């Protein structure tokens, strides 16, 4: 039974708005499975404190947050009746079917997370009507078609001028990235589009969104990912204005068909993660920015047509943890200097043309030189050349809603499924309002859980010359 059925057969003429909210949730309840037990205790979701439902002092539903709760069903159009809804999160459930276009009528919505379900069809252009939306996460579904942008008669994602998060990765989106999707009026922080089927060039309009911190168009540098059929195939040159994005922390462009010169990232001093692996850039020596990005923690440019001598200053970067530069043609002596960054853990130059290695002091990182001429001579029996490694990949933070698992809170606190944090609820006569802020900001992006091989590190010192 839909809300329309309830309107004509059950509701009196003086039915108030908060009762419309209750009726809408009752209708959705009939379409969903595996609901929390509290949803069966009463027909008043605000007065009875249904799990996942928060209300304001007028008993209007403002939050519907049931992520990772094993819910199953379809997303009915009745959700549009919750006109005061600000947060709607069903991440990590088992919803299927299409995203109803009526969600675009929720004028107060600021947080929408439907990631990690099985929803299909196209992204509704009506989402462009959500003028207060801050967070939009539709990742890890079965969504198809092009990314919708506005026309003279229809809305589109480009109208979401308050949005900070566009998470559309792990879907089946096709076509090119519309240049109109980005403008200088936007305040986007995350644009995540990897593991789709996108083609065409990276639009230069991306370079005017100067608030960007994470840009992810490519798959991780991993053989397991390389074999996937659902990665993007972006081509052409990287826009020259990309280095206008001076707030960028992470740049993922690996495993595409990009051509032209290696992107100039000079001046992007907040970058801590860069992966440009497995594209078709012009052959070149190591770009100057290899040695100047002081915040860099992870650098990947495997199979990047790089040649010449590896710049020694690269290893002096104070935050650097991983360097993955295998399958290039670097040559000469790998001289890491006497001021190696103390956080450096992994240096992978497998399958290059390096003929010698010079280390002035003892080191603690793993160095991989297998497949280099240096391994033919005096270094042949060292761990540099003997170490058999698992495939390496750069692993950044996840930006989708977390899986809270079995985490529980104290009896006087409530778990917020959006960030897995416990918060003290503000109990009023009309509902529960979490003090925890709805918006999740990744202002301190760290590389956690680095995937390092479990091999004993060689602690030799001195100077090695093949």
Foldseek 3Di string as FASTA:
>chain_A
DALVVCVVPPDDPPDDLLVLQLSLVVRVVVFKPQAPPQVPPDSQCFQSVGPQWFADPVNQTATRACALRQMEGEDDLSVLSSQNHAEYAHHHYAYEEADDLSVLNNQNHAYDHHYNYAYEEADRQSVLSNQNHAEDAHEQYAYEEAQDPDDPVTHHQLSNQNYAYDHHANYAYEEEHDLSSAALSHQHAEDAHWQYAYEEADHPSVLNNQNYAEYAQFDWPFPVVLPDPRGYAYEEAHHQSNLSNLNYAEDHDEDYAYEEADHDNPNSQNHAYYAHADYHYDAEAPDPVLQVNLNHAEDHHELPNYEEADDLSNQLRQRYAYYHHAHYAYEEEHENDDRGHPNHAEAEHEQYAYQWYWFAFWDHHAAAHANYNVCVPPCVPPCNHPPDDDTFTQAWDDDAQDNLPPDDDPPQWDADSRHRDTFGWDDDSRGTDGPDDNDDDPPPTDRPPHDDDPDHGDGDGGTITD
